[in-house]
Amino acid sequence: MKKKLLLLVSLTLVLTGILSACGKSGSGTSDQTFRMNLTTEPPSLDVAQAQDQVSFTVLSGLFEGLVRMDAKGEIAPGVAEKWDVSDDGKKYTFHLRDNAKWSNGDPVTAQDFEYSWKRTLDPKLNPPAPYAYQLYYVKNGQNYNIATDNPDHVSDPSQVGVKALDDKTLEVDLENPTPYFLNIAAFFTAYPVKKDAKFGEAEGYISNGPFKLKSWKHGDSIELVPNENYWDKDSIKLKDVKFLMVKDPNTEFSMYKTGQLDWSGLPTGSIPPAQLDKLRQENNKELSIKGIASTYFYNFNNTKKPFDNAKVREALSMAINRQDIVDKVTKAGQTPAYGFVSTGIHGVNGEYRSEVKDDYFKEDVAKAKELLAEGLKEEGMTKMPEFSLSFNEGPHKTIAEAIANMWKENLGIDVKLELQEWKVFLKNRQSLNYDVARAGWGADYNDPMTFIDLYTSKSGNNDIGFKNPEYDALVKEAYSTADQQKRVDAMAKAEQILIGDNMAVMPIYYYSSNQLVKPYVKNYVVDYSGNLDYTRISIEK
């Protein structure tokens, strides 16, 4: 890729709130208050520990990185008002604005960013940062983070390529030219952290974004109010953001209909499939459905018998009917998935999924039966044991029931369904304490790598126990070049290993983003991967 393209990677496919202001729908909403459902408690509001959509949704209002994404999905200045990129694309120098401040009034400095990034990479951080690998693009980021069985480990954090030259100048050295690095700089892993901040409660919580944390009633609600010290405070119109934690989709839908919520559905809520189907048929003007760059799939515990056998995993994946799932269960315009990288992601000249077909396998019940028998024989088993399929709150139970029925009917398998609270569910996945578990992955930046490097052996988000040296080598190859064709070729080979050769996870569908939005909610943005930017919302009745 040419050096001049290093600032590219624009994020298109952006949905903006331009609904009509007529129809006040009896909301009872106070002026400039926005209310939506998180469904569950955020597992963490520490930028080094967060790894899920619920946490990210809250954090995106509380913090701001060096850069941010604007309403058009393009890179815009954040804490950094400008930046320089070296001719070889490996050095970024960010110049921080003088009026960037923390919510307590202290200035945001380059040292805050250096501290935050090195804290995330610190091998002694407990628990380890799951997204630390997003900073492996930084020189010696990986070598500092990985201390065990790493002959190249560096113990001195000063060798990591992020350095505050002075209070307002941050220098970042990369391992290789990375065309999408600015997109990573906008991601929550790259947010700054104040050394004396606390993260578990509203008291002592210090942030630098458009909003600050007013209250956190665990298991009930979170409330944000404007940060009067935010450098761009004049563009913030909301006076209050209220996040509820309502687990039942039917209750969420009822609260939207009765005016207790201004937003229902993704990214953190859900609309009941039956209601969604009805709304689509009625052509409801408050309903929006768009394809997004996210994949819904099932995790296999690759370390546990008999799921450590690729044939068993293939059999389970080939024995379900994805079209029936999206047509009869989810009913939200999703697309059946036969690969891992979702639609909506850039390739070489167009969309990756158009250039690299997701034809790694086909649904075939007869073949699935053969593979299951072969795989079980290799495992010394004559019958598939009953196993658990775990999932969290939301719409996932109906999907799990449908898939369990397909496995029972097509393969004679008995499955135990386990509903788990979100924080417990994430912990169990991370510690490989499951058999099969539901999962979803949305793009963190618009490049196939945001999916592919998830399952390297060193990834903090690798919660399936998959380890493949050839896969790791292909990811390293894609990291090391700015030639987009070579990168895509390497990532396509890696995806073949992940899905076609190993079925390490079971793709089910590519997401669509569906939400109900009150007509008076203006200036929201749902980006290409389904993330909601609510920071510039205004309520116009």
Protein backbone atom coordinates (compact mmCIF):
# COMPACT_ATOMS: atom_id res chain seq x y z
CA MET A 1 0.00 0.00 0.00
CA LYS A 2 1.33 3.44 -0.89
CA LYS A 3 2.66 5.57 1.93
CA LYS A 4 0.14 8.28 1.17
CA LEU A 5 -2.67 5.87 2.04
CA LEU A 6 -1.57 5.36 5.61
CA LEU A 7 -4.22 7.75 6.91
CA LEU A 8 -7.00 6.11 4.92
CA VAL A 9 -9.23 3.22 6.02
CA SER A 10 -12.42 5.25 6.15
CA LEU A 11 -15.34 3.64 7.88
CA THR A 12 -18.29 3.88 5.59
CA LEU A 13 -21.62 2.10 6.10
CA VAL A 14 -22.66 4.65 8.72
CA LEU A 15 -26.24 5.14 9.84
CA THR A 16 -27.10 8.58 11.17
CA GLY A 17 -30.21 9.68 13.03
CA ILE A 18 -32.23 11.76 10.59
CA LEU A 19 -35.71 10.67 11.60
CA SER A 20 -38.56 13.16 11.38
CA ALA A 21 -39.25 15.32 14.42
CA CYS A 22 -43.01 15.00 14.13
CA GLY A 23 -44.87 12.59 16.41
CA LYS A 24 -44.07 13.12 20.06
CA SER A 25 -45.29 9.65 21.07
CA GLY A 26 -46.14 10.61 24.63
CA SER A 27 -42.67 9.92 25.93
CA GLY A 28 -42.59 11.94 29.10
CA THR A 29 -38.83 12.25 28.53
CA SER A 30 -37.32 15.28 30.25
CA ASP A 31 -35.50 17.68 27.96
CA GLN A 32 -32.16 16.35 26.70
CA THR A 33 -32.31 13.03 28.55
CA PHE A 34 -31.52 9.90 26.56
CA ARG A 35 -32.46 6.45 27.87
CA MET A 36 -31.46 3.03 26.57
CA ASN A 37 -31.05 -0.52 27.85
CA LEU A 38 -27.70 -2.19 28.55
CA THR A 39 -29.47 -5.49 29.41
CA THR A 40 -26.81 -6.33 31.98
CA GLU A 41 -24.09 -5.01 34.26
CA PRO A 42 -20.87 -3.88 32.54
CA PRO A 43 -18.21 -6.37 33.66
CA SER A 44 -15.65 -3.56 33.82
CA LEU A 45 -15.36 0.16 33.18
CA ASP A 46 -11.56 -0.04 33.29
CA VAL A 47 -10.29 0.58 29.75
CA ALA A 48 -7.55 -2.04 30.28
CA GLN A 49 -10.01 -4.75 31.37
CA ALA A 50 -13.07 -4.08 29.21
CA GLN A 51 -13.71 -6.55 26.41
CA ASP A 52 -17.44 -6.48 25.65
CA GLN A 53 -20.09 -4.38 23.93
CA VAL A 54 -21.87 -3.37 27.13
CA SER A 55 -18.71 -1.97 28.71
CA PHE A 56 -17.63 -0.32 25.46
CA THR A 57 -21.00 1.42 25.03
CA VAL A 58 -20.65 3.12 28.40
CA LEU A 59 -16.92 3.82 28.00
CA SER A 60 -17.45 5.51 24.62
CA GLY A 61 -19.24 8.35 26.39
CA LEU A 62 -16.80 8.57 29.27
CA PHE A 63 -13.51 8.64 27.40
CA GLU A 64 -11.89 9.97 24.26
CA GLY A 65 -8.70 8.83 22.58
CA LEU A 66 -6.12 10.69 20.57
CA VAL A 67 -8.57 10.57 17.67
CA ARG A 68 -12.26 9.76 17.34
CA MET A 69 -14.67 8.71 14.61
CA ASP A 70 -16.92 11.47 13.27
CA ALA A 71 -20.52 11.17 12.00
CA LYS A 72 -19.26 10.13 8.56
CA GLY A 73 -17.17 7.33 10.03
CA GLU A 74 -13.91 9.11 9.31
CA ILE A 75 -10.96 9.82 11.59
CA ALA A 76 -11.32 13.17 13.38
CA PRO A 77 -9.15 14.90 15.97
CA GLY A 78 -9.84 13.93 19.56
CA VAL A 79 -7.46 14.74 22.38
CA ALA A 80 -4.84 15.20 19.66
CA GLU A 81 -5.58 18.23 17.51
CA LYS A 82 -3.12 17.10 14.83
CA TRP A 83 -0.53 14.42 14.11
CA ASP A 84 2.42 13.70 11.83
CA VAL A 85 3.31 10.41 10.16
CA SER A 86 6.85 9.56 9.06
CA ASP A 87 7.55 8.71 5.43
CA ASP A 88 7.98 5.02 6.27
CA GLY A 89 4.62 4.96 8.11
CA LYS A 90 6.18 3.65 11.32
CA LYS A 91 6.30 6.77 13.50
CA TYR A 92 3.28 8.81 14.60
CA THR A 93 3.71 12.05 16.51
CA PHE A 94 0.52 13.28 18.16
CA HIS A 95 0.12 16.88 19.29
CA LEU A 96 -2.38 17.17 22.13
CA ARG A 97 -4.69 20.15 22.42
CA ASP A 98 -4.06 22.57 25.28
CA ASN A 99 -7.66 22.52 26.54
CA ALA A 100 -8.03 18.73 26.92
CA LYS A 101 -8.89 18.07 30.56
CA TRP A 102 -9.94 15.27 32.88
CA SER A 103 -13.33 15.38 34.54
CA ASN A 104 -11.64 16.63 37.72
CA GLY A 105 -10.16 19.59 35.84
CA ASP A 106 -6.58 18.36 35.52
CA PRO A 107 -4.99 18.60 32.05
CA VAL A 108 -4.82 15.47 29.90
CA THR A 109 -1.16 14.92 29.08
CA ALA A 110 0.92 12.78 26.77
CA GLN A 111 2.19 11.06 29.92
CA ASP A 112 -1.39 9.89 30.62
CA PHE A 113 -1.48 8.07 27.29
CA GLU A 114 1.98 6.59 27.80
CA TYR A 115 0.97 5.37 31.26
CA SER A 116 -2.31 3.90 30.02
CA TRP A 117 -0.85 1.99 27.09
CA LYS A 118 2.04 0.60 29.13
CA ARG A 119 -0.35 -0.34 31.93
CA THR A 120 -2.44 -2.34 29.47
CA LEU A 121 0.70 -4.07 28.18
CA ASP A 122 2.16 -4.68 31.66
CA PRO A 123 2.64 -8.47 32.05
CA LYS A 124 2.06 -8.07 35.80
CA LEU A 125 -1.39 -6.49 35.39
CA ASN A 126 -3.89 -8.68 37.22
CA PRO A 127 -6.02 -9.83 35.57
CA PRO A 128 -4.18 -9.47 32.25
CA ALA A 129 -5.67 -7.02 29.76
CA PRO A 130 -7.65 -9.09 27.21
CA TYR A 131 -7.14 -6.47 24.51
CA ALA A 132 -3.42 -5.98 25.09
CA TYR A 133 -2.74 -7.46 21.67
CA GLN A 134 -4.33 -4.40 20.06
CA LEU A 135 -1.19 -2.56 21.15
CA TYR A 136 1.18 -5.14 19.67
CA TYR A 137 1.46 -2.83 16.66
CA VAL A 138 3.54 -0.60 18.92
CA LYS A 139 7.26 -1.39 18.88
CA ASN A 140 8.05 -4.00 21.53
CA GLY A 141 4.42 -4.02 22.67
CA GLN A 142 4.18 -7.79 22.36
CA ASN A 143 7.68 -8.42 23.66
CA TYR A 144 6.92 -6.44 26.80
CA ASN A 145 3.47 -7.95 27.32
CA ILE A 146 4.47 -11.59 26.91
CA ALA A 147 7.01 -12.56 29.53
CA THR A 148 6.61 -16.35 29.58
CA ASP A 149 8.33 -18.51 26.94
CA ASN A 150 9.34 -15.41 24.99
CA PRO A 151 13.07 -15.19 24.21
CA ASP A 152 12.55 -11.62 22.95
CA HIS A 153 10.87 -10.40 26.15
CA VAL A 154 11.84 -6.91 27.26
CA SER A 155 11.35 -6.14 30.93
CA ASP A 156 12.02 -2.42 30.68
CA PRO A 157 8.83 -0.52 29.72
CA SER A 158 10.96 2.32 28.36
CA GLN A 159 11.70 0.06 25.39
CA VAL A 160 8.02 0.08 24.39
CA GLY A 161 7.48 2.44 21.46
CA VAL A 162 5.20 4.98 23.13
CA LYS A 163 6.83 8.02 24.72
CA ALA A 164 5.74 11.41 25.97
CA LEU A 165 8.24 13.92 24.55
CA ASP A 166 6.61 16.61 26.68
CA ASP A 167 3.17 17.21 28.22
CA LYS A 168 1.54 17.76 24.83
CA THR A 169 3.55 15.58 22.44
CA LEU A 170 3.23 11.79 22.20
CA GLU A 171 5.53 9.78 19.97
CA VAL A 172 4.51 6.29 18.88
CA ASP A 173 6.88 3.92 17.07
CA LEU A 174 5.29 0.94 15.30
CA GLU A 175 6.75 -2.46 14.49
CA ASN A 176 5.50 -2.19 10.90
CA PRO A 177 3.54 0.29 8.77
CA THR A 178 -0.08 -0.18 9.82
CA PRO A 179 -2.63 1.46 7.50
CA TYR A 180 -5.41 1.31 10.09
CA PHE A 181 -3.41 2.45 13.11
CA LEU A 182 -5.47 5.61 13.59
CA ASN A 183 -8.57 3.46 13.84
CA ILE A 184 -6.88 1.53 16.65
CA ALA A 185 -5.96 4.85 18.29
CA ALA A 186 -9.69 5.61 18.41
CA PHE A 187 -10.51 2.27 20.09
CA PHE A 188 -11.10 2.06 23.84
CA THR A 189 -7.92 0.09 24.53
CA ALA A 190 -6.00 3.22 23.48
CA TYR A 191 -7.91 5.60 25.77
CA PRO A 192 -5.85 7.46 28.38
CA VAL A 193 -6.01 6.60 32.07
CA LYS A 194 -5.30 8.87 35.03
CA LYS A 195 -2.99 7.23 37.52
CA ASP A 196 -5.14 7.98 40.57
CA ALA A 197 -8.47 7.05 38.96
CA LYS A 198 -10.75 4.34 40.36
CA PHE A 199 -12.93 2.16 38.16
CA GLY A 200 -15.38 0.16 40.27
CA GLU A 201 -17.70 2.93 41.48
CA ALA A 202 -18.83 6.41 40.49
CA GLU A 203 -16.90 7.93 43.39
CA GLY A 204 -13.33 8.51 42.31
CA TYR A 205 -14.01 7.66 38.68
CA ILE A 206 -12.09 10.10 36.47
CA SER A 207 -12.58 10.24 32.70
CA ASN A 208 -11.80 12.65 29.87
CA GLY A 209 -14.70 12.21 27.44
CA PRO A 210 -17.91 14.13 26.74
CA PHE A 211 -19.58 12.70 29.86
CA LYS A 212 -18.66 11.75 33.40
CA LEU A 213 -20.03 9.03 35.65
CA LYS A 214 -22.71 10.41 37.96
CA SER A 215 -24.01 7.15 39.42
CA TRP A 216 -23.53 3.41 39.08
CA LYS A 217 -26.21 1.37 40.81
CA HIS A 218 -24.89 -2.13 40.29
CA GLY A 219 -27.42 -4.44 38.66
CA ASP A 220 -29.83 -1.55 38.09
CA SER A 221 -28.61 1.52 36.20
CA ILE A 222 -25.79 3.84 35.20
CA GLU A 223 -26.18 7.57 34.77
CA LEU A 224 -23.85 9.90 32.85
CA VAL A 225 -23.90 13.69 32.87
CA PRO A 226 -21.87 16.13 30.74
CA ASN A 227 -18.22 16.64 31.59
CA GLU A 228 -17.95 20.39 32.02
CA ASN A 229 -14.20 20.13 31.43
CA TYR A 230 -14.48 18.38 28.05
CA TRP A 231 -12.68 20.39 25.37
CA ASP A 232 -15.65 20.23 22.98
CA LYS A 233 -18.37 20.65 25.61
CA ASP A 234 -20.35 23.10 23.48
CA SER A 235 -21.23 20.31 21.03
CA ILE A 236 -22.76 18.17 23.78
CA LYS A 237 -26.52 18.75 23.99
CA LEU A 238 -27.66 15.95 26.29
CA LYS A 239 -27.94 16.75 29.98
CA ASP A 240 -28.36 13.14 31.04
CA VAL A 241 -27.72 9.63 29.70
CA LYS A 242 -29.52 6.88 31.59
CA PHE A 243 -28.58 3.25 31.01
CA LEU A 244 -30.91 0.63 32.45
CA MET A 245 -30.14 -3.06 33.02
CA VAL A 246 -33.32 -4.84 31.94
CA LYS A 247 -32.67 -8.49 31.14
CA ASP A 248 -35.97 -9.45 29.48
CA PRO A 249 -36.39 -8.32 25.82
CA ASN A 250 -40.18 -8.23 26.22
CA THR A 251 -39.88 -5.86 29.17
CA GLU A 252 -37.46 -3.68 27.21
CA PHE A 253 -39.90 -3.55 24.29
CA SER A 254 -42.78 -2.65 26.59
CA MET A 255 -40.74 0.13 28.19
CA TYR A 256 -39.99 1.55 24.76
CA LYS A 257 -43.65 1.43 23.74
CA THR A 258 -44.74 3.15 26.95
CA GLY A 259 -42.13 5.89 26.64
CA GLN A 260 -39.74 4.75 29.37
CA LEU A 261 -36.95 4.19 26.84
CA ASP A 262 -35.93 6.28 23.85
CA TRP A 263 -33.97 3.46 22.20
CA SER A 264 -34.56 -0.28 22.02
CA GLY A 265 -32.45 -2.98 20.39
CA LEU A 266 -28.80 -3.21 19.48
CA PRO A 267 -26.04 -2.58 20.31
CA THR A 268 -26.81 -3.61 23.91
CA GLY A 269 -30.53 -4.36 23.98
CA SER A 270 -32.79 -6.58 21.92
CA ILE A 271 -36.21 -6.52 20.30
CA PRO A 272 -38.19 -9.77 20.67
CA PRO A 273 -38.15 -11.63 17.29
CA ALA A 274 -41.94 -11.86 17.11
CA GLN A 275 -42.29 -8.11 17.66
CA LEU A 276 -39.45 -7.41 15.26
CA ASP A 277 -41.13 -9.46 12.56
CA LYS A 278 -44.40 -7.60 13.13
CA LEU A 279 -42.67 -4.20 13.03
CA ARG A 280 -41.00 -5.11 9.73
CA GLN A 281 -44.30 -6.17 8.19
CA GLU A 282 -45.92 -2.94 9.36
CA ASN A 283 -43.01 -0.93 7.91
CA ASN A 284 -42.71 0.85 11.23
CA LYS A 285 -40.96 4.19 10.72
CA GLU A 286 -39.15 4.00 14.06
CA LEU A 287 -37.49 0.69 13.15
CA SER A 288 -34.08 0.63 11.48
CA ILE A 289 -32.37 -2.54 10.19
CA LYS A 290 -28.93 -2.40 8.59
CA GLY A 291 -26.21 -4.97 7.97
CA ILE A 292 -23.16 -4.46 10.18
CA ALA A 293 -19.64 -5.83 10.36
CA SER A 294 -20.22 -8.39 13.10
CA THR A 295 -20.46 -12.17 13.25
CA TYR A 296 -22.60 -14.37 15.51
CA PHE A 297 -21.05 -17.76 16.20
CA TYR A 298 -20.58 -20.54 18.73
CA ASN A 299 -17.33 -21.18 20.55
CA PHE A 300 -16.04 -24.72 20.83
CA ASN A 301 -13.74 -25.46 23.74
CA ASN A 302 -10.88 -26.73 21.59
CA THR A 303 -9.08 -28.09 24.66
CA LYS A 304 -11.87 -30.37 25.91
CA LYS A 305 -12.90 -33.81 24.66
CA PRO A 306 -14.56 -34.43 22.28
CA PHE A 307 -14.48 -30.80 21.08
CA ASP A 308 -10.72 -31.04 20.67
CA ASN A 309 -11.49 -33.13 17.57
CA ALA A 310 -11.96 -31.13 14.37
CA LYS A 311 -14.31 -33.74 12.88
CA VAL A 312 -16.65 -33.46 15.83
CA ARG A 313 -16.65 -29.68 15.50
CA GLU A 314 -17.26 -29.92 11.75
CA ALA A 315 -20.15 -32.31 12.29
CA LEU A 316 -21.89 -29.96 14.70
CA SER A 317 -21.42 -27.03 12.33
CA MET A 318 -22.64 -28.89 9.23
CA ALA A 319 -25.74 -30.26 10.98
CA ILE A 320 -27.63 -26.98 11.44
CA ASN A 321 -29.71 -24.93 9.01
CA ARG A 322 -28.58 -21.32 9.14
CA GLN A 323 -31.21 -20.02 6.74
CA ASP A 324 -33.94 -21.41 8.97
CA ILE A 325 -32.33 -19.70 11.97
CA VAL A 326 -32.31 -16.24 10.38
CA ASP A 327 -35.72 -16.68 8.70
CA LYS A 328 -37.67 -18.37 11.49
CA VAL A 329 -35.86 -17.55 14.74
CA THR A 330 -34.02 -14.22 14.66
CA LYS A 331 -36.16 -12.63 11.88
CA ALA A 332 -33.98 -9.53 11.63
CA GLY A 333 -32.46 -9.69 8.16
CA GLN A 334 -29.25 -11.46 9.15
CA THR A 335 -27.20 -13.38 6.56
CA PRO A 336 -26.09 -17.01 7.08
CA ALA A 337 -22.35 -17.17 7.81
CA TYR A 338 -19.93 -19.76 6.45
CA GLY A 339 -16.78 -17.83 7.32
CA PHE A 340 -15.56 -15.82 10.28
CA VAL A 341 -14.76 -12.38 8.86
CA SER A 342 -18.08 -10.60 8.48
CA THR A 343 -19.55 -8.70 5.60
CA GLY A 344 -18.90 -4.94 5.54
CA ILE A 345 -15.10 -5.22 5.92
CA HIS A 346 -12.64 -3.73 3.43
CA GLY A 347 -10.57 -6.06 1.26
CA VAL A 348 -8.20 -5.02 -1.52
CA ASN A 349 -10.40 -3.11 -3.94
CA GLY A 350 -13.80 -3.72 -2.41
CA GLU A 351 -15.35 -5.79 0.33
CA TYR A 352 -13.31 -8.67 1.72
CA ARG A 353 -16.27 -11.01 1.76
CA SER A 354 -16.83 -10.38 -1.96
CA GLU A 355 -13.18 -11.00 -2.76
CA VAL A 356 -12.75 -13.99 -0.42
CA LYS A 357 -15.84 -16.18 -0.56
CA ASP A 358 -17.10 -17.76 2.64
CA ASP A 359 -17.40 -21.23 1.14
CA TYR A 360 -15.20 -23.02 3.66
CA PHE A 361 -17.89 -25.66 4.30
CA LYS A 362 -21.45 -26.62 3.38
CA GLU A 363 -24.35 -27.78 5.49
CA ASP A 364 -24.75 -31.52 4.95
CA VAL A 365 -26.47 -33.72 7.55
CA ALA A 366 -25.36 -37.01 5.98
CA LYS A 367 -21.73 -35.87 5.91
CA ALA A 368 -22.08 -34.55 9.45
CA LYS A 369 -23.14 -37.98 10.69
CA GLU A 370 -20.10 -39.56 9.04
CA LEU A 371 -17.72 -36.99 10.51
CA LEU A 372 -19.24 -37.32 13.98
CA ALA A 373 -18.81 -41.10 13.94
CA GLU A 374 -15.22 -40.78 12.71
CA GLY A 375 -14.35 -38.10 15.24
CA LEU A 376 -15.86 -39.96 18.18
CA LYS A 377 -14.02 -43.14 17.16
CA GLU A 378 -10.76 -41.18 17.14
CA GLU A 379 -11.63 -40.00 20.66
CA GLY A 380 -12.36 -43.57 21.81
CA MET A 381 -16.07 -42.86 22.12
CA THR A 382 -19.08 -44.65 20.66
CA LYS A 383 -21.64 -41.95 21.40
CA MET A 384 -21.60 -38.19 21.74
CA PRO A 385 -21.92 -37.41 25.46
CA GLU A 386 -24.49 -34.88 26.63
CA PHE A 387 -22.84 -31.46 26.76
CA SER A 388 -23.69 -27.94 27.83
CA LEU A 389 -24.44 -25.01 25.54
CA SER A 390 -24.06 -21.79 27.53
CA PHE A 391 -25.32 -18.32 26.68
CA ASN A 392 -26.09 -15.02 28.35
CA GLU A 393 -29.24 -12.94 28.74
CA GLY A 394 -31.02 -11.51 25.71
CA PRO A 395 -32.29 -13.25 22.56
CA HIS A 396 -29.75 -16.07 22.71
CA LYS A 397 -31.99 -18.66 24.38
CA THR A 398 -34.32 -19.01 21.39
CA ILE A 399 -31.33 -19.44 19.06
CA ALA A 400 -29.81 -22.03 21.39
CA GLU A 401 -33.09 -23.93 21.58
CA ALA A 402 -33.37 -24.03 17.80
CA ILE A 403 -29.79 -25.25 17.33
CA ALA A 404 -30.11 -27.82 20.11
CA ASN A 405 -33.23 -29.17 18.41
CA MET A 406 -31.38 -29.41 15.09
CA TRP A 407 -28.53 -31.30 16.72
CA LYS A 408 -31.03 -33.63 18.40
CA GLU A 409 -33.00 -34.27 15.23
CA ASN A 410 -30.06 -34.55 12.84
CA LEU A 411 -27.38 -36.15 15.03
CA GLY A 412 -29.26 -37.63 17.97
CA ILE A 413 -27.36 -35.42 20.40
CA ASP A 414 -28.65 -34.28 23.79
CA VAL A 415 -27.72 -30.76 24.81
CA LYS A 416 -28.12 -29.05 28.17
CA LEU A 417 -28.89 -25.34 27.86
CA GLU A 418 -27.31 -23.03 30.44
CA LEU A 419 -28.30 -19.38 30.85
CA GLN A 420 -25.57 -17.42 32.64
CA GLU A 421 -25.29 -13.86 33.93
CA TRP A 422 -23.12 -11.78 31.57
CA LYS A 423 -20.13 -11.26 33.86
CA VAL A 424 -20.08 -14.93 34.90
CA PHE A 425 -20.56 -16.00 31.28
CA LEU A 426 -17.55 -13.96 30.12
CA LYS A 427 -15.39 -15.27 32.95
CA ASN A 428 -16.30 -18.87 32.14
CA ARG A 429 -15.48 -18.36 28.47
CA GLN A 430 -12.19 -16.67 29.28
CA SER A 431 -11.15 -19.50 31.61
CA LEU A 432 -12.31 -22.21 29.16
CA ASN A 433 -14.91 -23.37 31.66
CA TYR A 434 -17.51 -24.47 29.09
CA ASP A 435 -18.28 -27.01 26.36
CA VAL A 436 -19.95 -24.88 23.69
CA ALA A 437 -20.79 -21.21 24.22
CA ARG A 438 -22.46 -18.53 22.19
CA ALA A 439 -20.23 -15.67 21.00
CA GLY A 440 -20.27 -12.61 18.81
CA TRP A 441 -17.55 -10.41 17.41
CA GLY A 442 -17.89 -6.92 16.00
CA ALA A 443 -15.15 -5.16 14.08
CA ASP A 444 -12.91 -2.92 16.17
CA TYR A 445 -11.57 -1.34 12.97
CA ASN A 446 -12.31 -1.81 9.31
CA ASP A 447 -9.84 -4.47 8.29
CA PRO A 448 -10.08 -8.30 8.26
CA MET A 449 -7.33 -8.42 10.88
CA THR A 450 -9.82 -7.34 13.54
CA PHE A 451 -11.31 -10.83 13.18
CA ILE A 452 -8.25 -12.83 12.20
CA ASP A 453 -5.86 -11.94 15.02
CA LEU A 454 -8.52 -12.81 17.59
CA TYR A 455 -7.36 -16.44 17.58
CA THR A 456 -3.61 -16.21 17.56
CA SER A 457 -2.09 -18.26 20.37
CA LYS A 458 -1.09 -15.04 22.19
CA SER A 459 -4.37 -13.15 21.88
CA GLY A 460 -5.96 -12.18 25.19
CA ASN A 461 -9.38 -12.68 23.61
CA ASN A 462 -8.64 -16.23 22.42
CA ASP A 463 -11.26 -17.96 24.57
CA ILE A 464 -11.43 -21.23 22.60
CA GLY A 465 -7.93 -22.59 23.29
CA PHE A 466 -7.04 -22.71 19.59
CA LYS A 467 -3.30 -22.83 18.90
CA ASN A 468 -1.89 -23.25 15.41
CA PRO A 469 1.69 -22.22 14.49
CA GLU A 470 0.86 -21.84 10.79
CA TYR A 471 -2.06 -19.58 11.68
CA ASP A 472 0.19 -17.45 13.90
CA ALA A 473 2.77 -17.21 11.12
CA LEU A 474 0.18 -16.02 8.59
CA VAL A 475 -1.01 -13.32 10.98
CA LYS A 476 2.58 -12.23 11.52
CA GLU A 477 3.05 -12.13 7.74
CA ALA A 478 -0.02 -9.91 7.34
CA TYR A 479 1.23 -7.65 10.13
CA SER A 480 4.60 -7.19 8.49
CA THR A 481 3.57 -5.74 5.13
CA ALA A 482 1.66 -2.69 3.91
CA ASP A 483 0.86 -4.47 0.60
CA GLN A 484 -2.89 -4.95 0.94
CA GLN A 485 -3.05 -7.82 -1.56
CA LYS A 486 -0.38 -9.76 0.33
CA ARG A 487 -2.13 -8.99 3.61
CA VAL A 488 -5.52 -10.20 2.36
CA ASP A 489 -3.99 -13.34 0.85
CA ALA A 490 -2.35 -14.20 4.17
CA MET A 491 -5.52 -13.51 6.15
CA ALA A 492 -7.61 -15.60 3.73
CA LYS A 493 -5.24 -18.52 4.27
CA ALA A 494 -5.55 -18.02 8.01
CA GLU A 495 -9.35 -18.05 7.79
CA GLN A 496 -9.15 -21.29 5.80
CA ILE A 497 -7.16 -22.82 8.66
CA LEU A 498 -9.54 -21.47 11.30
CA ILE A 499 -12.81 -22.49 9.65
CA GLY A 500 -12.19 -24.74 6.64
CA ASP A 501 -9.52 -26.96 8.18
CA ASN A 502 -10.34 -26.85 11.89
CA MET A 503 -13.83 -25.41 12.43
CA ALA A 504 -12.39 -23.89 15.58
CA VAL A 505 -15.60 -21.89 15.95
CA MET A 506 -19.03 -22.38 14.37
CA PRO A 507 -20.17 -19.40 12.28
CA ILE A 508 -23.94 -18.90 12.36
CA TYR A 509 -24.82 -15.53 10.85
CA TYR A 510 -23.56 -12.06 10.00
CA TYR A 511 -25.35 -9.57 12.19
CA SER A 512 -27.80 -6.90 11.25
CA SER A 513 -28.24 -3.91 13.54
CA ASN A 514 -31.87 -3.42 14.48
CA GLN A 515 -33.20 -0.72 16.75
CA LEU A 516 -36.28 1.25 17.55
CA VAL A 517 -35.56 4.96 17.94
CA LYS A 518 -38.01 7.62 19.06
CA PRO A 519 -38.55 10.26 16.33
CA TYR A 520 -37.30 13.06 18.57
CA VAL A 521 -33.84 11.47 18.99
CA LYS A 522 -31.46 13.28 16.62
CA ASN A 523 -27.80 13.16 15.61
CA TYR A 524 -27.01 9.63 16.74
CA VAL A 525 -24.61 7.48 14.74
CA VAL A 526 -24.59 3.69 14.34
CA ASP A 527 -21.30 2.85 12.67
CA TYR A 528 -20.34 0.10 10.23
CA SER A 529 -19.88 -2.43 13.06
CA GLY A 530 -23.03 -1.53 14.99
CA ASN A 531 -21.51 0.69 17.69
CA LEU A 532 -23.67 3.59 18.83
CA ASP A 533 -22.22 7.07 19.22
CA TYR A 534 -24.72 8.84 21.47
CA THR A 535 -22.39 11.64 22.51
CA ARG A 536 -23.78 14.24 20.09
CA ILE A 537 -27.45 13.26 20.40
CA SER A 538 -30.04 15.98 20.90
CA ILE A 539 -33.68 15.59 21.89
CA GLU A 540 -35.89 17.64 19.56
CA LYS A 541 -39.60 17.59 20.30
